[in-house]
């Protein structure tokens, strides 16, 4: 039988169903595509490549674990990469500002006001790889319009930046004509977005995070630093964990959520605080009604009509988070059923077993009793 696009599409879909990752599936399809192209030219066994019409199935992104770095662990990281090491400055900027990795490596000295301690974020690095061409490292617009922002930095980072600025000026003198300088070449990518390719030797773009000779440090090369932290220091880490850590420290210090949203460059405040999740294990797994309530609650988060639509929920346990760290549990329960003195059918205090477990828990810290403003006036 002839190999058709439909046959290949079915095969590719089956790879996902077998549990292969998106990258693994993509690599298999790419290998098959290249083999069939070789069959066209130079072998001339076939006239067209049926794989060119095949699409990858949709892969849902797994929820990424949010890592918050404890202070003593960050000190271990900084001790491993001390000042003068090329990874020290990016680590410190990430920890003290919460900037995205693409924003950190796009910083130029023109973006930093060393006199007043202010960082201006206006761009990010973009790894652009045209079809069958060499990867281009470019500067482009921030992730969203909210990504364009300015904020003050503390004295620790400010003094480090001043020392680094002096070091780079000394290195320019030391390397002379061999110190790497970058210029920008404007072009449109395949999506018609404007990018600026960084080309060595053609200008004087003063990047902040560079090697001793002025050559740029890329987001890809930072993977080495992450591997050392993982394997040598035995710590969970990625650059984004610095961002989570910074946001968590500020949130726990009582920073206004709106101010934190602006500092992090989030377009929506929900991105800054995705704080509430229902606890699916609170009631037995065979309780299909509870599972359904959890799904409805999670879908309704941040819906302007959430209060109305969750009116029918009963006995749901909720977790409240600050950037991935649980800080509070809330029990949503129809308390009037148990506290109504006129209800003679149910003796007061006869809670369901899982409610009683919470009451008797040694970990119970605070009980908060909330009522609806008009509860006394309602007959139902």
Protein backbone atom coordinates (compact mmCIF):
# COMPACT_ATOMS: atom_id res chain seq x y z
CA UNK A 1 0.00 0.00 0.00
CA UNK A 2 1.12 3.56 -0.73
CA UNK A 3 2.23 5.63 2.24
CA UNK A 4 -0.35 8.40 2.59
CA UNK A 5 -0.58 11.55 4.68
CA UNK A 6 -3.56 10.03 6.53
CA UNK A 7 -1.54 6.95 7.46
CA UNK A 8 1.35 9.05 8.77
CA UNK A 9 -1.04 11.34 10.68
CA UNK A 10 -2.59 8.31 12.40
CA UNK A 11 0.89 7.05 13.27
CA UNK A 12 1.94 10.44 14.71
CA UNK A 13 -1.27 10.68 16.75
CA UNK A 14 -0.59 7.23 18.18
CA UNK A 15 2.82 8.38 19.46
CA UNK A 16 1.13 10.90 21.73
CA UNK A 17 -1.37 8.28 22.90
CA UNK A 18 1.55 6.02 23.86
CA UNK A 19 2.83 8.76 26.15
CA UNK A 20 5.70 10.16 24.09
CA UNK A 21 6.61 13.79 24.73
CA UNK A 22 6.01 16.57 22.23
CA UNK A 23 9.73 16.88 21.48
CA UNK A 24 10.14 13.12 21.00
CA UNK A 25 7.14 13.01 18.65
CA UNK A 26 8.43 16.06 16.79
CA UNK A 27 11.84 14.44 16.30
CA UNK A 28 10.32 11.23 14.92
CA UNK A 29 8.18 13.18 12.45
CA UNK A 30 11.17 15.29 11.43
CA UNK A 31 13.30 12.19 10.79
CA UNK A 32 10.54 10.63 8.70
CA UNK A 33 10.07 13.89 6.80
CA UNK A 34 13.78 14.12 5.99
CA UNK A 35 13.87 10.47 4.86
CA UNK A 36 10.95 10.98 2.48
CA UNK A 37 12.52 14.16 1.10
CA UNK A 38 15.66 12.11 0.39
CA UNK A 39 13.42 9.67 -1.48
CA UNK A 40 12.37 12.52 -3.78
CA UNK A 41 15.86 13.88 -4.35
CA UNK A 42 18.34 12.49 -5.09
CA UNK A 43 16.84 8.95 -5.14
CA UNK A 44 13.69 9.83 -7.16
CA UNK A 45 11.74 6.92 -5.63
CA UNK A 46 8.69 9.12 -4.96
CA UNK A 47 7.35 12.35 -6.40
CA UNK A 48 5.86 14.03 -3.30
CA UNK A 49 6.46 13.84 0.44
CA UNK A 50 3.19 12.84 2.19
CA UNK A 51 4.66 13.78 5.58
CA UNK A 52 4.73 17.48 4.68
CA UNK A 53 0.97 17.69 5.27
CA UNK A 54 1.06 16.02 8.69
CA UNK A 55 0.45 18.12 11.81
CA UNK A 56 1.58 17.44 15.35
CA UNK A 57 -1.29 16.62 17.72
CA UNK A 58 -1.96 19.12 20.46
CA UNK A 59 0.09 18.53 23.60
CA UNK A 60 -1.26 20.02 26.81
CA UNK A 61 1.39 21.70 28.90
CA UNK A 62 1.94 20.07 32.26
CA UNK A 63 1.61 22.42 35.20
CA UNK A 64 5.09 23.61 36.04
CA UNK A 65 6.20 23.33 39.62
CA UNK A 66 6.79 26.68 41.28
CA UNK A 67 10.10 26.71 43.11
CA UNK A 68 10.76 29.21 45.89
CA UNK A 69 14.43 29.38 46.92
CA UNK A 70 15.16 29.68 50.62
CA UNK A 71 17.65 32.36 51.67
CA UNK A 72 20.33 29.90 52.81
CA UNK A 73 20.09 27.98 49.54
CA UNK A 74 20.48 31.18 47.51
CA UNK A 75 23.60 31.96 49.53
CA UNK A 76 24.96 28.52 48.56
CA UNK A 77 24.31 29.34 44.91
CA UNK A 78 26.04 32.71 45.14
CA UNK A 79 28.98 31.15 46.97
CA UNK A 80 29.36 28.69 44.09
CA UNK A 81 29.20 31.56 41.57
CA UNK A 82 30.88 34.50 43.39
CA UNK A 83 31.25 38.04 42.14
CA UNK A 84 33.47 38.06 39.07
CA UNK A 85 32.00 34.80 37.78
CA UNK A 86 29.89 35.48 34.69
CA UNK A 87 26.81 33.83 36.23
CA UNK A 88 26.91 35.92 39.42
CA UNK A 89 25.34 39.07 37.98
CA UNK A 90 22.40 37.37 36.16
CA UNK A 91 21.61 35.40 39.33
CA UNK A 92 21.66 38.53 41.48
CA UNK A 93 19.52 40.52 39.03
CA UNK A 94 16.95 37.72 38.86
CA UNK A 95 16.80 37.34 42.64
CA UNK A 96 16.63 41.06 43.44
CA UNK A 97 14.25 42.15 40.64
CA UNK A 98 12.15 39.14 39.61
CA UNK A 99 12.88 39.88 35.94
CA UNK A 100 12.38 37.21 33.30
CA UNK A 101 15.55 35.57 31.99
CA UNK A 102 14.94 37.05 28.51
CA UNK A 103 14.69 40.53 30.07
CA UNK A 104 17.85 40.12 32.15
CA UNK A 105 20.03 39.19 29.18
CA UNK A 106 18.58 42.03 27.09
CA UNK A 107 19.57 44.71 29.61
CA UNK A 108 21.94 47.38 28.37
CA UNK A 109 23.68 49.98 30.50
CA UNK A 110 21.39 52.61 28.97
CA UNK A 111 18.50 50.83 30.71
CA UNK A 112 19.97 51.38 34.17
CA UNK A 113 20.09 54.67 36.04
CA UNK A 114 23.04 54.08 38.38
CA UNK A 115 22.60 57.45 40.04
CA UNK A 116 19.00 56.91 41.12
CA UNK A 117 18.91 53.12 41.26
CA UNK A 118 16.25 52.57 38.60
CA UNK A 119 15.97 49.80 36.01
CA UNK A 120 13.94 50.38 32.83
CA UNK A 121 12.72 47.29 31.00
CA UNK A 122 11.87 47.89 27.35
CA UNK A 123 12.88 44.71 25.49
CA UNK A 124 13.84 41.05 25.72
CA UNK A 125 16.21 38.67 23.97
CA UNK A 126 14.68 36.46 21.30
CA UNK A 127 16.18 33.23 19.95
CA UNK A 128 15.11 33.21 16.31
CA UNK A 129 15.82 30.26 14.04
CA UNK A 130 14.64 30.67 10.45
CA UNK A 131 13.94 27.53 8.42
CA UNK A 132 17.20 25.75 7.56
CA UNK A 133 19.25 28.71 8.74
CA UNK A 134 21.55 29.57 11.62
CA UNK A 135 20.04 30.72 14.91
CA UNK A 136 19.90 34.49 15.34
CA UNK A 137 20.05 36.17 18.75
CA UNK A 138 17.88 39.24 18.64
CA UNK A 139 16.27 41.96 20.70
CA UNK A 140 12.51 42.27 20.53
CA UNK A 141 9.48 43.66 22.30
CA UNK A 142 8.64 42.54 25.82
CA UNK A 143 6.20 39.67 26.39
CA UNK A 144 3.30 42.15 26.61
CA UNK A 145 2.82 45.88 26.90
CA UNK A 146 2.74 45.40 30.69
CA UNK A 147 6.31 44.12 30.40
CA UNK A 148 7.53 47.65 29.68
CA UNK A 149 8.14 49.03 33.18
CA UNK A 150 10.53 50.81 35.53
CA UNK A 151 11.28 50.19 39.20
CA UNK A 152 13.78 51.01 41.89
CA UNK A 153 16.37 48.52 43.09
CA UNK A 154 17.97 48.11 46.49
CA UNK A 155 21.52 49.05 47.50
CA UNK A 156 22.91 45.48 47.29
CA UNK A 157 22.16 45.11 43.60
CA UNK A 158 22.87 48.76 42.82
CA UNK A 159 26.39 48.64 44.26
CA UNK A 160 27.06 45.36 42.43
CA UNK A 161 26.00 46.95 39.14
CA UNK A 162 28.27 49.94 39.73
CA UNK A 163 31.26 47.64 40.35
CA UNK A 164 30.39 45.59 37.24
CA UNK A 165 30.16 48.75 35.15
CA UNK A 166 33.69 49.70 36.21
CA UNK A 167 34.96 46.14 35.51
CA UNK A 168 33.58 46.21 31.99
CA UNK A 169 35.18 49.57 31.27
CA UNK A 170 38.53 48.14 32.45
CA UNK A 171 38.02 45.06 30.23
CA UNK A 172 37.37 47.31 27.23
CA UNK A 173 40.78 48.86 27.78
CA UNK A 174 42.39 45.47 28.41
CA UNK A 175 41.02 43.77 25.29
CA UNK A 176 41.22 46.86 23.08
CA UNK A 177 40.19 46.07 19.50
CA UNK A 178 39.35 42.50 20.52
CA UNK A 179 36.59 43.54 22.89
CA UNK A 180 33.31 42.39 21.30
CA UNK A 181 30.81 45.09 20.39
CA UNK A 182 27.35 44.57 18.95
CA UNK A 183 25.22 46.41 16.44
CA UNK A 184 21.60 45.85 15.49
CA UNK A 185 20.15 44.73 12.17
CA UNK A 186 16.40 45.31 11.91
CA UNK A 187 14.29 42.70 10.09
CA UNK A 188 10.83 41.10 10.07
CA UNK A 189 10.36 37.52 11.23
CA UNK A 190 7.96 35.08 9.53
CA UNK A 191 5.12 36.48 11.68
CA UNK A 192 5.89 40.02 10.48
CA UNK A 193 7.14 41.00 13.93
CA UNK A 194 10.08 43.43 14.08
CA UNK A 195 13.28 41.98 15.54
CA UNK A 196 16.80 43.39 15.86
CA UNK A 197 19.58 40.89 15.26
CA UNK A 198 22.67 41.46 17.41
CA UNK A 199 25.67 41.39 15.12
CA UNK A 200 29.20 41.42 16.64
CA UNK A 201 31.69 44.01 15.50
CA UNK A 202 29.25 46.44 13.93
CA UNK A 203 28.24 48.87 16.67
CA UNK A 204 28.32 49.69 20.34
CA UNK A 205 25.41 48.06 22.14
CA UNK A 206 26.49 47.88 25.79
CA UNK A 207 24.95 44.70 27.20
CA UNK A 208 25.04 44.31 30.98
CA UNK A 209 25.47 40.53 31.19
CA UNK A 210 28.52 39.66 29.11
CA UNK A 211 31.69 37.56 29.17
CA UNK A 212 35.02 39.19 30.05
CA UNK A 213 35.66 39.96 26.37
CA UNK A 214 32.27 41.63 25.91
CA UNK A 215 30.65 38.72 24.07
CA UNK A 216 27.01 38.19 24.95
CA UNK A 217 25.75 35.53 27.34
CA UNK A 218 22.67 33.80 25.95
CA UNK A 219 19.68 32.32 27.73
CA UNK A 220 20.69 28.94 26.29
CA UNK A 221 24.15 29.08 27.86
CA UNK A 222 22.60 29.69 31.29
CA UNK A 223 21.53 26.03 31.25
CA UNK A 224 25.08 25.18 32.34
CA UNK A 225 24.63 27.22 35.51
CA UNK A 226 21.31 25.47 36.21
CA UNK A 227 22.92 22.04 35.74
CA UNK A 228 25.65 22.86 38.26
CA UNK A 229 23.06 23.98 40.82
CA UNK A 230 21.04 20.80 40.21
CA UNK A 231 23.80 18.22 40.19
CA UNK A 232 26.53 19.77 42.34
CA UNK A 233 24.50 21.71 44.91
CA UNK A 234 21.56 19.26 44.80
CA UNK A 235 18.99 22.07 44.66
CA UNK A 236 15.79 22.39 42.65
CA UNK A 237 16.34 25.38 40.41
CA UNK A 238 15.61 27.13 37.17
CA UNK A 239 15.98 30.82 36.38
CA UNK A 240 12.23 31.36 36.69
CA UNK A 241 12.46 30.20 40.32
CA UNK A 242 14.32 33.45 41.04
CA UNK A 243 11.26 35.30 39.75
CA UNK A 244 8.89 33.25 41.94
CA UNK A 245 11.16 33.78 44.94
CA UNK A 246 11.29 37.55 44.47
CA UNK A 247 7.51 37.78 44.10
CA UNK A 248 6.95 35.58 47.16
CA UNK A 249 9.28 37.64 49.35
CA UNK A 250 7.52 40.86 48.36
CA UNK A 251 4.05 39.37 48.79
CA UNK A 252 4.85 38.04 52.25
CA UNK A 253 6.25 41.46 53.16
CA UNK A 254 2.83 42.98 52.52
CA UNK A 255 3.51 44.69 49.18
CA UNK A 256 0.33 45.92 47.52
CA UNK A 257 -0.80 43.33 44.93
CA UNK A 258 -1.19 45.98 42.22
CA UNK A 259 2.32 47.30 42.85
CA UNK A 260 3.64 43.75 42.70
CA UNK A 261 1.79 43.14 39.44
CA UNK A 262 3.44 46.21 37.92
CA UNK A 263 6.89 45.23 39.13
CA UNK A 264 6.57 41.70 37.74
CA UNK A 265 5.25 42.98 34.41
CA UNK A 266 2.10 40.87 34.46
CA UNK A 267 -0.69 41.92 32.14
CA UNK A 268 -3.32 40.47 34.49
CA UNK A 269 -3.22 40.49 38.26
CA UNK A 270 -4.48 36.90 38.21
CA UNK A 271 -1.07 35.91 36.84
CA UNK A 272 0.59 37.48 39.88
CA UNK A 273 -1.69 35.76 42.36
CA UNK A 274 -3.21 32.51 41.19
CA UNK A 275 -3.99 31.99 44.80
CA UNK A 276 -6.92 29.65 45.29
CA UNK A 277 -7.20 25.94 44.48
CA UNK A 278 -9.76 23.42 45.60
CA UNK A 279 -8.50 20.40 47.50
CA UNK A 280 -9.75 17.40 45.53
CA UNK A 281 -8.61 14.93 48.21
CA UNK A 282 -10.74 16.57 50.92
CA UNK A 283 -13.64 14.23 50.24
CA UNK A 284 -13.56 10.59 49.04
CA UNK A 285 -12.51 10.04 45.43
CA UNK A 286 -15.75 8.22 44.69
CA UNK A 287 -17.70 11.37 45.58
CA UNK A 288 -18.37 12.43 41.98
CA UNK A 289 -20.43 15.41 43.11
CA UNK A 290 -17.43 16.86 44.95
CA UNK A 291 -15.10 16.27 42.00
CA UNK A 292 -17.59 18.10 39.79
CA UNK A 293 -17.74 21.00 42.27
CA UNK A 294 -13.94 21.30 42.26
CA UNK A 295 -13.84 21.49 38.48
CA UNK A 296 -16.59 24.12 38.40
CA UNK A 297 -14.88 26.16 41.11
CA UNK A 298 -11.52 26.14 39.32
CA UNK A 299 -13.21 27.18 36.07
CA UNK A 300 -14.95 30.06 37.84
CA UNK A 301 -11.86 31.57 39.43
CA UNK A 302 -11.68 35.30 38.68
CA UNK A 303 -15.05 35.18 36.92
CA UNK A 304 -16.96 38.36 37.76
CA UNK A 305 -20.05 36.21 38.48
CA UNK A 306 -18.20 33.61 40.55
CA UNK A 307 -20.06 34.44 43.77
CA UNK A 308 -23.44 33.80 42.13
CA UNK A 309 -22.37 30.65 40.32
CA UNK A 310 -20.81 29.02 43.40
CA UNK A 311 -23.92 29.50 45.49
CA UNK A 312 -24.62 25.76 45.44
CA UNK A 313 -21.20 24.65 46.67
CA UNK A 314 -21.08 22.90 50.02
CA UNK A 315 -18.27 21.61 52.20
CA UNK A 316 -15.36 22.43 49.93
CA UNK A 317 -11.82 22.80 51.25
CA UNK A 318 -9.78 25.51 49.51
CA UNK A 319 -6.08 26.32 49.61
CA UNK A 320 -4.85 29.91 49.29
CA UNK A 321 -1.39 30.38 47.79
CA UNK A 322 1.20 33.13 47.52
CA UNK A 323 3.09 32.26 44.32
CA UNK A 324 2.90 28.54 44.88
CA UNK A 325 3.34 28.53 48.67
CA UNK A 326 0.19 27.58 50.64
CA UNK A 327 -0.56 30.13 53.36
CA UNK A 328 -4.18 29.44 54.33
CA UNK A 329 -6.96 26.85 54.18
CA UNK A 330 -10.60 27.86 53.88
CA UNK A 331 -13.52 25.57 54.58
CA UNK A 332 -16.58 26.59 52.61
CA UNK A 333 -19.54 25.06 54.44
CA UNK A 334 -23.28 25.70 54.92
CA UNK A 335 -22.88 26.63 58.55
CA UNK A 336 -26.48 27.70 59.04
CA UNK A 337 -27.47 24.03 58.91
CA UNK A 338 -25.51 23.36 62.09
CA UNK A 339 -25.95 26.62 63.96
CA UNK A 340 -29.69 27.15 63.47
CA UNK A 341 -31.19 26.76 66.99
CA UNK A 342 -34.66 26.30 65.50
CA UNK A 343 -33.66 23.21 63.54
CA UNK A 344 -34.87 20.30 65.70
CA UNK A 345 -34.17 17.63 63.12
CA UNK A 346 -30.41 17.86 63.49
CA UNK A 347 -28.71 18.11 66.90
CA UNK A 348 -26.20 20.92 67.07
CA UNK A 349 -22.57 19.84 66.79
CA UNK A 350 -23.21 16.72 64.71
CA UNK A 351 -20.61 17.45 62.04
CA UNK A 352 -19.70 15.05 59.28
CA UNK A 353 -16.56 12.96 60.00
CA UNK A 354 -14.20 14.97 57.78
CA UNK A 355 -15.39 18.22 59.36
CA UNK A 356 -14.77 16.78 62.81
CA UNK A 357 -11.23 15.84 61.74
CA UNK A 358 -10.50 19.49 60.96
CA UNK A 359 -11.94 20.61 64.29
CA UNK A 360 -9.73 18.15 66.17
CA UNK A 361 -6.62 18.81 64.08
CA UNK A 362 -3.51 19.87 66.00
CA UNK A 363 -2.50 22.01 63.01
CA UNK A 364 -5.59 24.19 63.30
CA UNK A 365 -4.44 27.77 63.89
CA UNK A 366 -7.31 30.19 63.24
CA UNK A 367 -11.04 29.84 62.70
CA UNK A 368 -12.74 32.59 60.75
CA UNK A 369 -16.53 32.78 60.85
CA UNK A 370 -18.14 34.58 57.93
CA UNK A 371 -21.83 35.25 57.35
CA UNK A 372 -23.79 36.82 54.55
CA UNK A 373 -24.90 40.39 55.43
CA UNK A 374 -28.58 39.57 55.05
CA UNK A 375 -28.59 36.08 56.57
CA UNK A 376 -30.99 37.04 59.39
CA UNK A 377 -33.56 38.38 56.95
CA UNK A 378 -33.68 35.32 54.72
CA UNK A 379 -36.41 32.78 55.27
CA UNK A 380 -34.82 30.08 53.14
